C-alpha atoms as a PDB file:
ATOM      1  CA  UNK A   1      38.974  -7.589 -34.739  1.00  0.00           C
ATOM      2  CA  UNK A   2      41.672  -8.736 -35.929  1.00  0.00           C
ATOM      3  CA  UNK A   3      45.028  -7.960 -34.524  1.00  0.00           C
ATOM      4  CA  UNK A   4      46.757  -8.388 -38.356  1.00  0.00           C
ATOM      5  CA  UNK A   5      44.221  -5.515 -39.195  1.00  0.00           C
ATOM      6  CA  UNK A   6      46.043  -2.383 -41.601  1.00  0.00           C
ATOM      7  CA  UNK A   7      43.926   0.860 -41.515  1.00  0.00           C
ATOM      8  CA  UNK A   8      43.435   2.743 -43.806  1.00  0.00           C
ATOM      9  CA  UNK A   9      41.163   5.578 -44.408  1.00  0.00           C
ATOM     10  CA  UNK A  10      39.092   7.543 -47.726  1.00  0.00           C
ATOM     11  CA  UNK A  11      36.244   9.690 -46.130  1.00  0.00           C
ATOM     12  CA  UNK A  12      34.131  11.740 -48.209  1.00  0.00           C
ATOM     13  CA  UNK A  13      32.091  14.468 -47.257  1.00  0.00           C
ATOM     14  CA  UNK A  14      29.813  16.561 -48.424  1.00  0.00           C
ATOM     15  CA  UNK A  15      27.621  19.208 -46.392  1.00  0.00           C
ATOM     16  CA  UNK A  16      26.538  23.447 -47.568  1.00  0.00           C
ATOM     17  CA  UNK A  17      29.996  25.978 -47.176  1.00  0.00           C
ATOM     18  CA  UNK A  18      32.558  25.081 -44.958  1.00  0.00           C
ATOM     19  CA  UNK A  19      35.298  26.953 -43.676  1.00  0.00           C
ATOM     20  CA  UNK A  20      38.076  26.459 -41.134  1.00  0.00           C
ATOM     21  CA  UNK A  21      37.005  28.379 -37.765  1.00  0.00           C
ATOM     22  CA  UNK A  22      39.746  28.757 -34.294  1.00  0.00           C
ATOM     23  CA  UNK A  23      36.946  30.566 -32.446  1.00  0.00           C
ATOM     24  CA  UNK A  24      34.815  28.782 -29.606  1.00  0.00           C
ATOM     25  CA  UNK A  25      32.361  30.868 -29.212  1.00  0.00           C
ATOM     26  CA  UNK A  26      32.050  31.978 -32.926  1.00  0.00           C
ATOM     27  CA  UNK A  27      31.552  27.450 -33.519  1.00  0.00           C
ATOM     28  CA  UNK A  28      29.187  28.164 -31.173  1.00  0.00           C
ATOM     29  CA  UNK A  29      27.510  30.761 -31.810  1.00  0.00           C
ATOM     30  CA  UNK A  30      27.136  29.564 -35.446  1.00  0.00           C
ATOM     31  CA  UNK A  31      25.191  25.847 -34.186  1.00  0.00           C
ATOM     32  CA  UNK A  32      22.987  28.772 -31.457  1.00  0.00           C
ATOM     33  CA  UNK A  33      24.059  27.171 -27.920  1.00  0.00           C
ATOM     34  CA  UNK A  34      22.778  27.886 -25.049  1.00  0.00           C
ATOM     35  CA  UNK A  35      26.347  29.030 -23.522  1.00  0.00           C
ATOM     36  CA  UNK A  36      24.780  27.165 -19.738  1.00  0.00           C
ATOM     37  CA  UNK A  37      24.932  24.169 -22.493  1.00  0.00           C
ATOM     38  CA  UNK A  38      29.189  24.585 -22.024  1.00  0.00           C
ATOM     39  CA  UNK A  39      29.975  27.394 -19.699  1.00  0.00           C
ATOM     40  CA  UNK A  40      30.890  25.070 -16.667  1.00  0.00           C
ATOM     41  CA  UNK A  41      32.962  22.237 -18.586  1.00  0.00           C
ATOM     42  CA  UNK A  42      34.670  25.467 -20.737  1.00  0.00           C
ATOM     43  CA  UNK A  43      38.192  25.360 -19.953  1.00  0.00           C
ATOM     44  CA  UNK A  44      41.256  25.522 -22.958  1.00  0.00           C
ATOM     45  CA  UNK A  45      41.548  22.488 -23.283  1.00  0.00           C
ATOM     46  CA  UNK A  46      37.872  21.786 -24.152  1.00  0.00           C
ATOM     47  CA  UNK A  47      37.920  24.675 -26.393  1.00  0.00           C
ATOM     48  CA  UNK A  48      40.593  23.018 -28.054  1.00  0.00           C
ATOM     49  CA  UNK A  49      39.293  19.577 -29.261  1.00  0.00           C
ATOM     50  CA  UNK A  50      35.843  22.045 -30.336  1.00  0.00           C
ATOM     51  CA  UNK A  51      37.948  23.972 -32.566  1.00  0.00           C
ATOM     52  CA  UNK A  52      40.064  20.821 -34.537  1.00  0.00           C
ATOM     53  CA  UNK A  53      36.229  18.713 -34.459  1.00  0.00           C
ATOM     54  CA  UNK A  54      35.135  20.967 -36.409  1.00  0.00           C
ATOM     55  CA  UNK A  55      37.762  21.156 -38.592  1.00  0.00           C
ATOM     56  CA  UNK A  56      38.016  18.137 -39.213  1.00  0.00           C
ATOM     57  CA  UNK A  57      36.926  17.307 -42.845  1.00  0.00           C
ATOM     58  CA  UNK A  58      34.073  14.963 -41.896  1.00  0.00           C
ATOM     59  CA  UNK A  59      32.352  14.380 -38.392  1.00  0.00           C
ATOM     60  CA  UNK A  60      34.476  11.790 -36.459  1.00  0.00           C
ATOM     61  CA  UNK A  61      34.206  10.894 -33.205  1.00  0.00           C
ATOM     62  CA  UNK A  62      36.327   9.600 -30.816  1.00  0.00           C
ATOM     63  CA  UNK A  63      35.390   6.230 -28.477  1.00  0.00           C
ATOM     64  CA  UNK A  64      36.501   6.094 -25.304  1.00  0.00           C
ATOM     65  CA  UNK A  65      36.225   1.910 -25.955  1.00  0.00           C
ATOM     66  CA  UNK A  66      36.937  -0.357 -28.662  1.00  0.00           C
ATOM     67  CA  UNK A  67      33.169  -1.655 -29.077  1.00  0.00           C
ATOM     68  CA  UNK A  68      32.605  -3.108 -33.024  1.00  0.00           C
ATOM     69  CA  UNK A  69      29.105  -2.704 -33.204  1.00  0.00           C
ATOM     70  CA  UNK A  70      29.351   1.523 -32.015  1.00  0.00           C
ATOM     71  CA  UNK A  71      31.820   1.736 -34.650  1.00  0.00           C
ATOM     72  CA  UNK A  72      29.469   0.425 -36.923  1.00  0.00           C
ATOM     73  CA  UNK A  73      26.002   2.019 -36.050  1.00  0.00           C
ATOM     74  CA  UNK A  74      28.349   5.066 -36.512  1.00  0.00           C
ATOM     75  CA  UNK A  75      30.521   4.693 -39.417  1.00  0.00           C
ATOM     76  CA  UNK A  76      27.282   3.257 -41.891  1.00  0.00           C
ATOM     77  CA  UNK A  77      25.360   6.823 -40.852  1.00  0.00           C
ATOM     78  CA  UNK A  78      29.062   8.892 -42.339  1.00  0.00           C
ATOM     79  CA  UNK A  79      30.487   9.827 -38.904  1.00  0.00           C
ATOM     80  CA  UNK A  80      33.989   8.835 -38.996  1.00  0.00           C
ATOM     81  CA  UNK A  81      35.184   6.336 -35.552  1.00  0.00           C
ATOM     82  CA  UNK A  82      39.090   7.280 -34.268  1.00  0.00           C
ATOM     83  CA  UNK A  83      39.604   5.705 -31.305  1.00  0.00           C
ATOM     84  CA  UNK A  84      40.466   7.300 -27.170  1.00  0.00           C
ATOM     85  CA  UNK A  85      42.605   5.441 -25.208  1.00  0.00           C
ATOM     86  CA  UNK A  86      41.898   7.531 -21.932  1.00  0.00           C
ATOM     87  CA  UNK A  87      43.025   5.048 -19.172  1.00  0.00           C
ATOM     88  CA  UNK A  88      46.090   6.874 -18.478  1.00  0.00           C
ATOM     89  CA  UNK A  89      44.846  10.557 -19.846  1.00  0.00           C
ATOM     90  CA  UNK A  90      46.002  13.993 -18.463  1.00  0.00           C
ATOM     91  CA  UNK A  91      42.175  16.190 -17.090  1.00  0.00           C
ATOM     92  CA  UNK A  92      43.092  18.181 -20.428  1.00  0.00           C
ATOM     93  CA  UNK A  93      43.054  14.998 -22.245  1.00  0.00           C
ATOM     94  CA  UNK A  94      39.128  14.452 -20.695  1.00  0.00           C
ATOM     95  CA  UNK A  95      38.409  17.927 -21.080  1.00  0.00           C
ATOM     96  CA  UNK A  96      40.044  17.861 -24.986  1.00  0.00           C
ATOM     97  CA  UNK A  97      37.528  14.987 -25.346  1.00  0.00           C
ATOM     98  CA  UNK A  98      34.950  15.738 -24.631  1.00  0.00           C
ATOM     99  CA  UNK A  99      34.739  19.452 -26.348  1.00  0.00           C
ATOM    100  CA  UNK A 100      35.425  17.137 -29.313  1.00  0.00           C
ATOM    101  CA  UNK A 101      32.238  15.139 -28.462  1.00  0.00           C
ATOM    102  CA  UNK A 102      30.533  18.001 -28.107  1.00  0.00           C
ATOM    103  CA  UNK A 103      30.963  19.850 -31.757  1.00  0.00           C
ATOM    104  CA  UNK A 104      30.996  15.886 -33.107  1.00  0.00           C
ATOM    105  CA  UNK A 105      27.229  15.566 -31.726  1.00  0.00           C
ATOM    106  CA  UNK A 106      26.212  19.495 -33.222  1.00  0.00           C
ATOM    107  CA  UNK A 107      27.892  19.049 -36.936  1.00  0.00           C
ATOM    108  CA  UNK A 108      25.766  15.757 -36.634  1.00  0.00           C
ATOM    109  CA  UNK A 109      23.086  17.188 -35.583  1.00  0.00           C
ATOM    110  CA  UNK A 110      22.988  20.073 -37.382  1.00  0.00           C
ATOM    111  CA  UNK A 111      24.608  19.318 -41.283  1.00  0.00           C
ATOM    112  CA  UNK A 112      23.813  15.876 -41.121  1.00  0.00           C
ATOM    113  CA  UNK A 113      21.008  14.997 -39.250  1.00  0.00           C
ATOM    114  CA  UNK A 114      21.057  12.907 -37.003  1.00  0.00           C
ATOM    115  CA  UNK A 115      21.092  11.651 -33.645  1.00  0.00           C
ATOM    116  CA  UNK A 116      24.417  10.488 -31.554  1.00  0.00           C
ATOM    117  CA  UNK A 117      22.757   9.878 -28.899  1.00  0.00           C
ATOM    118  CA  UNK A 118      20.521   7.108 -31.000  1.00  0.00           C
ATOM    119  CA  UNK A 119      22.798   6.545 -33.240  1.00  0.00           C
ATOM    120  CA  UNK A 120      25.007   4.947 -30.652  1.00  0.00           C
ATOM    121  CA  UNK A 121      22.599   2.535 -29.039  1.00  0.00           C
ATOM    122  CA  UNK A 122      23.439  -0.288 -30.229  1.00  0.00           C
ATOM    123  CA  UNK A 123      20.384  -3.185 -32.493  1.00  0.00           C
ATOM    124  CA  UNK A 124      20.630  -6.649 -30.188  1.00  0.00           C
ATOM    125  CA  UNK A 125      19.641  -8.611 -34.091  1.00  0.00           C
ATOM    126  CA  UNK A 126      23.182  -7.283 -35.214  1.00  0.00           C
ATOM    127  CA  UNK A 127      25.955  -9.987 -35.352  1.00  0.00           C
ATOM    128  CA  UNK A 128      29.262  -8.896 -33.689  1.00  0.00           C
ATOM    129  CA  UNK A 129      31.957 -11.733 -34.534  1.00  0.00           C
ATOM    130  CA  UNK A 130      35.548 -12.488 -32.847  1.00  0.00           C
ATOM    131  CA  UNK A 131      38.842 -11.331 -34.064  1.00  0.00           C
ATOM    132  CA  UNK A 132      39.554 -15.477 -35.650  1.00  0.00           C
ATOM    133  CA  UNK A 133      35.185 -15.921 -35.620  1.00  0.00           C
ATOM    134  CA  UNK A 134      35.975 -13.804 -39.242  1.00  0.00           C
ATOM    135  CA  UNK A 135      39.238 -13.943 -39.886  1.00  0.00           C
ATOM    136  CA  UNK A 136      38.029 -18.327 -40.751  1.00  0.00           C
ATOM    137  CA  UNK A 137      35.463 -16.979 -41.985  1.00  0.00           C
ATOM    138  CA  UNK A 138      37.107 -14.728 -44.679  1.00  0.00           C
ATOM    139  CA  UNK A 139      39.506 -17.466 -45.278  1.00  0.00           C
ATOM    140  CA  UNK A 140      37.420 -20.571 -46.250  1.00  0.00           C
ATOM    141  CA  UNK A 141      35.146 -18.977 -48.437  1.00  0.00           C
ATOM    142  CA  UNK A 142      38.270 -19.289 -51.523  1.00  0.00           C
ATOM    143  CA  UNK A 143      38.828 -21.897 -53.703  1.00  0.00           C
ATOM    144  CA  UNK A 144      41.714 -22.721 -55.819  1.00  0.00           C
ATOM    145  CA  UNK A 145      42.095 -24.099 -59.315  1.00  0.00           C
ATOM    146  CA  UNK A 146      44.171 -24.619 -62.321  1.00  0.00           C
ATOM    147  CA  UNK A 147      42.496 -22.939 -65.956  1.00  0.00           C
ATOM    148  CA  UNK A 148      43.399 -23.770 -69.694  1.00  0.00           C
ATOM    149  CA  UNK A 149      47.354 -22.293 -69.074  1.00  0.00           C
ATOM    150  CA  UNK A 150      47.925 -23.843 -66.146  1.00  0.00           C
ATOM    151  CA  UNK A 151      47.852 -20.874 -64.291  1.00  0.00           C
ATOM    152  CA  UNK A 152      46.331 -21.472 -59.906  1.00  0.00           C
ATOM    153  CA  UNK A 153      43.437 -18.511 -60.307  1.00  0.00           C
ATOM    154  CA  UNK A 154      41.569 -18.670 -56.801  1.00  0.00           C
ATOM    155  CA  UNK A 155      38.230 -17.553 -56.592  1.00  0.00           C
ATOM    156  CA  UNK A 156      35.400 -16.030 -54.377  1.00  0.00           C
ATOM    157  CA  UNK A 157      33.260 -19.671 -53.426  1.00  0.00           C
ATOM    158  CA  UNK A 158      29.955 -18.342 -52.669  1.00  0.00           C
ATOM    159  CA  UNK A 159      28.106 -21.368 -51.955  1.00  0.00           C
ATOM    160  CA  UNK A 160      30.577 -21.221 -48.939  1.00  0.00           C
ATOM    161  CA  UNK A 161      29.433 -17.946 -48.162  1.00  0.00           C
ATOM    162  CA  UNK A 162      26.625 -17.851 -48.195  1.00  0.00           C
ATOM    163  CA  UNK A 163      25.850 -20.592 -45.127  1.00  0.00           C
ATOM    164  CA  UNK A 164      27.631 -17.804 -43.073  1.00  0.00           C
ATOM    165  CA  UNK A 165      26.512 -14.961 -40.844  1.00  0.00           C
ATOM    166  CA  UNK A 166      28.292 -12.499 -43.493  1.00  0.00           C
ATOM    167  CA  UNK A 167      25.283 -14.164 -46.612  1.00  0.00           C
ATOM    168  CA  UNK A 168      27.240 -12.711 -48.932  1.00  0.00           C
ATOM    169  CA  UNK A 169      30.798 -10.085 -50.088  1.00  0.00           C
ATOM    170  CA  UNK A 170      28.171  -7.845 -52.225  1.00  0.00           C
ATOM    171  CA  UNK A 171      30.116  -5.033 -52.975  1.00  0.00           C
ATOM    172  CA  UNK A 172      33.311  -5.233 -51.610  1.00  0.00           C
ATOM    173  CA  UNK A 173      36.173  -5.016 -53.139  1.00  0.00           C
ATOM    174  CA  UNK A 174      39.938  -6.547 -52.460  1.00  0.00           C
ATOM    175  CA  UNK A 175      43.283  -5.878 -53.140  1.00  0.00           C
ATOM    176  CA  UNK A 176      46.090  -8.244 -52.744  1.00  0.00           C
ATOM    177  CA  UNK A 177      48.424  -5.931 -50.471  1.00  0.00           C
ATOM    178  CA  UNK A 178      51.447  -7.796 -52.524  1.00  0.00           C
ATOM    179  CA  UNK A 179      50.692  -6.383 -56.277  1.00  0.00           C
ATOM    180  CA  UNK A 180      48.733  -3.731 -54.654  1.00  0.00           C
ATOM    181  CA  UNK A 181      46.222  -4.628 -57.576  1.00  0.00           C
ATOM    182  CA  UNK A 182      42.832  -3.879 -56.438  1.00  0.00           C
ATOM    183  CA  UNK A 183      39.504  -6.453 -57.959  1.00  0.00           C
ATOM    184  CA  UNK A 184      35.666  -5.732 -57.453  1.00  0.00           C
ATOM    185  CA  UNK A 185      33.778  -8.667 -55.634  1.00  0.00           C
ATOM    186  CA  UNK A 186      32.577 -10.337 -59.951  1.00  0.00           C
ATOM    187  CA  UNK A 187      36.356 -10.624 -60.343  1.00  0.00           C
ATOM    188  CA  UNK A 188      37.038 -13.026 -57.419  1.00  0.00           C
ATOM    189  CA  UNK A 189      33.952 -14.417 -58.282  1.00  0.00           C
ATOM    190  CA  UNK A 190      35.198 -14.838 -61.795  1.00  0.00           C
ATOM    191  CA  UNK A 191      38.825 -15.665 -59.580  1.00  0.00           C
ATOM    192  CA  UNK A 192      41.906 -13.387 -60.448  1.00  0.00           C
ATOM    193  CA  UNK A 193      45.665 -15.051 -61.389  1.00  0.00           C
ATOM    194  CA  UNK A 194      47.966 -15.711 -58.607  1.00  0.00           C
ATOM    195  CA  UNK A 195      51.688 -14.538 -59.577  1.00  0.00           C
ATOM    196  CA  UNK A 196      54.086 -16.104 -58.923  1.00  0.00           C
ATOM    197  CA  UNK A 197      55.715 -14.331 -55.947  1.00  0.00           C
ATOM    198  CA  UNK A 198      52.487 -15.368 -54.271  1.00  0.00           C
ATOM    199  CA  UNK A 199      52.266 -19.006 -54.910  1.00  0.00           C
ATOM    200  CA  UNK A 200      56.367 -19.454 -53.948  1.00  0.00           C
ATOM    201  CA  UNK A 201      55.066 -17.576 -50.774  1.00  0.00           C
ATOM    202  CA  UNK A 202      52.076 -20.123 -50.438  1.00  0.00           C
ATOM    203  CA  UNK A 203      50.046 -16.890 -48.538  1.00  0.00           C
ATOM    204  CA  UNK A 204      47.710 -14.614 -51.458  1.00  0.00           C
ATOM    205  CA  UNK A 205      47.523 -11.218 -48.643  1.00  0.00           C
ATOM    206  CA  UNK A 206      43.914 -10.098 -49.174  1.00  0.00           C
ATOM    207  CA  UNK A 207      42.393  -6.917 -47.645  1.00  0.00           C
ATOM    208  CA  UNK A 208      38.484  -6.327 -47.777  1.00  0.00           C
ATOM    209  CA  UNK A 209      37.321  -3.072 -48.607  1.00  0.00           C
ATOM    210  CA  UNK A 210      33.776  -2.810 -47.020  1.00  0.00           C
ATOM    211  CA  UNK A 211      33.077   1.304 -48.128  1.00  0.00           C
ATOM    212  CA  UNK A 212      29.962  -0.387 -50.702  1.00  0.00           C
ATOM    213  CA  UNK A 213      29.654  -3.944 -48.525  1.00  0.00           C
ATOM    214  CA  UNK A 214      25.703  -4.974 -48.366  1.00  0.00           C
ATOM    215  CA  UNK A 215      26.465  -6.898 -45.255  1.00  0.00           C
ATOM    216  CA  UNK A 216      22.545  -8.415 -45.066  1.00  0.00           C
ATOM    217  CA  UNK A 217      22.955  -9.642 -42.022  1.00  0.00           C
ATOM    218  CA  UNK A 218      24.243  -6.365 -40.654  1.00  0.00           C
ATOM    219  CA  UNK A 219      27.080  -8.010 -39.530  1.00  0.00           C
ATOM    220  CA  UNK A 220      29.335  -4.952 -36.747  1.00  0.00           C
ATOM    221  CA  UNK A 221      31.820  -3.672 -39.046  1.00  0.00           C
ATOM    222  CA  UNK A 222      34.558  -0.964 -39.012  1.00  0.00           C
ATOM    223  CA  UNK A 223      32.733   0.315 -42.616  1.00  0.00           C
ATOM    224  CA  UNK A 224      36.511   2.651 -43.797  1.00  0.00           C
ATOM    225  CA  UNK A 225      38.040   0.062 -42.852  1.00  0.00           C
ATOM    226  CA  UNK A 226      40.362  -2.831 -45.657  1.00  0.00           C
ATOM    227  CA  UNK A 227      40.983  -5.961 -43.151  1.00  0.00           C
ATOM    228  CA  UNK A 228      44.011  -7.719 -44.030  1.00  0.00           C
ATOM    229  CA  UNK A 229      43.331 -11.109 -43.944  1.00  0.00           C
ATOM    230  CA  UNK A 230      46.407 -13.791 -45.156  1.00  0.00           C
ATOM    231  CA  UNK A 231      44.535 -17.028 -47.640  1.00  0.00           C
ATOM    232  CA  UNK A 232      47.173 -19.542 -48.241  1.00  0.00           C
ATOM    233  CA  UNK A 233      47.110 -20.761 -50.667  1.00  0.00           C
ATOM    234  CA  UNK A 234      45.553 -24.378 -51.436  1.00  0.00           C
ATOM    235  CA  UNK A 235      47.800 -27.533 -52.737  1.00  0.00           C
ATOM    236  CA  UNK A 236      45.922 -28.084 -56.225  1.00  0.00           C
ATOM    237  CA  UNK A 237      46.214 -31.917 -57.997  1.00  0.00           C
END
């Protein structure tokens, strides 16, 4: 994943009746969990993780190791991912993470009718791009022209994108980070006028939003993440 990415998250999760609970055993009773499944691991830290997971507005999984395709497998099914570095963690954090993920699996199975362990098995046909590969695809997908009013217009070159692993950016939304104006895919195909600030800096910081991306080739992407990429303004004769 590009190191210059800025992350923004917006989530909506619809389920049945949801209320805050602060008692581990009450949560386990709610999901009809056999006490033998958790009694060995049960501890105050483990219980803290269970409660925190249950009270999240959307099912959330703490991922100890970064794997963008695993992120894609879970996030496209409505499960939020949070990186959780356990390299130098205390025992309590391991226990809390175990409790958190155990409760998340319960929520996903009961509320989303899915099995997390099955989702964690990544399809080998999915495409995982290296940082520089992903950035290069996006950067080379844009062209610049002058319109009749003499303004510089940036537009998405569909033909260039169609030859890449992405195949299309249909469904993607974009934000100009300098002006904070958001554009739909169709608007960027038609072309958007650049501001004087964009022209003076020579760089358009464009944030890509893949929440509704059609993703025909199953490229592994953080669905709920805004990817910010610097697009260099090309010189126009």
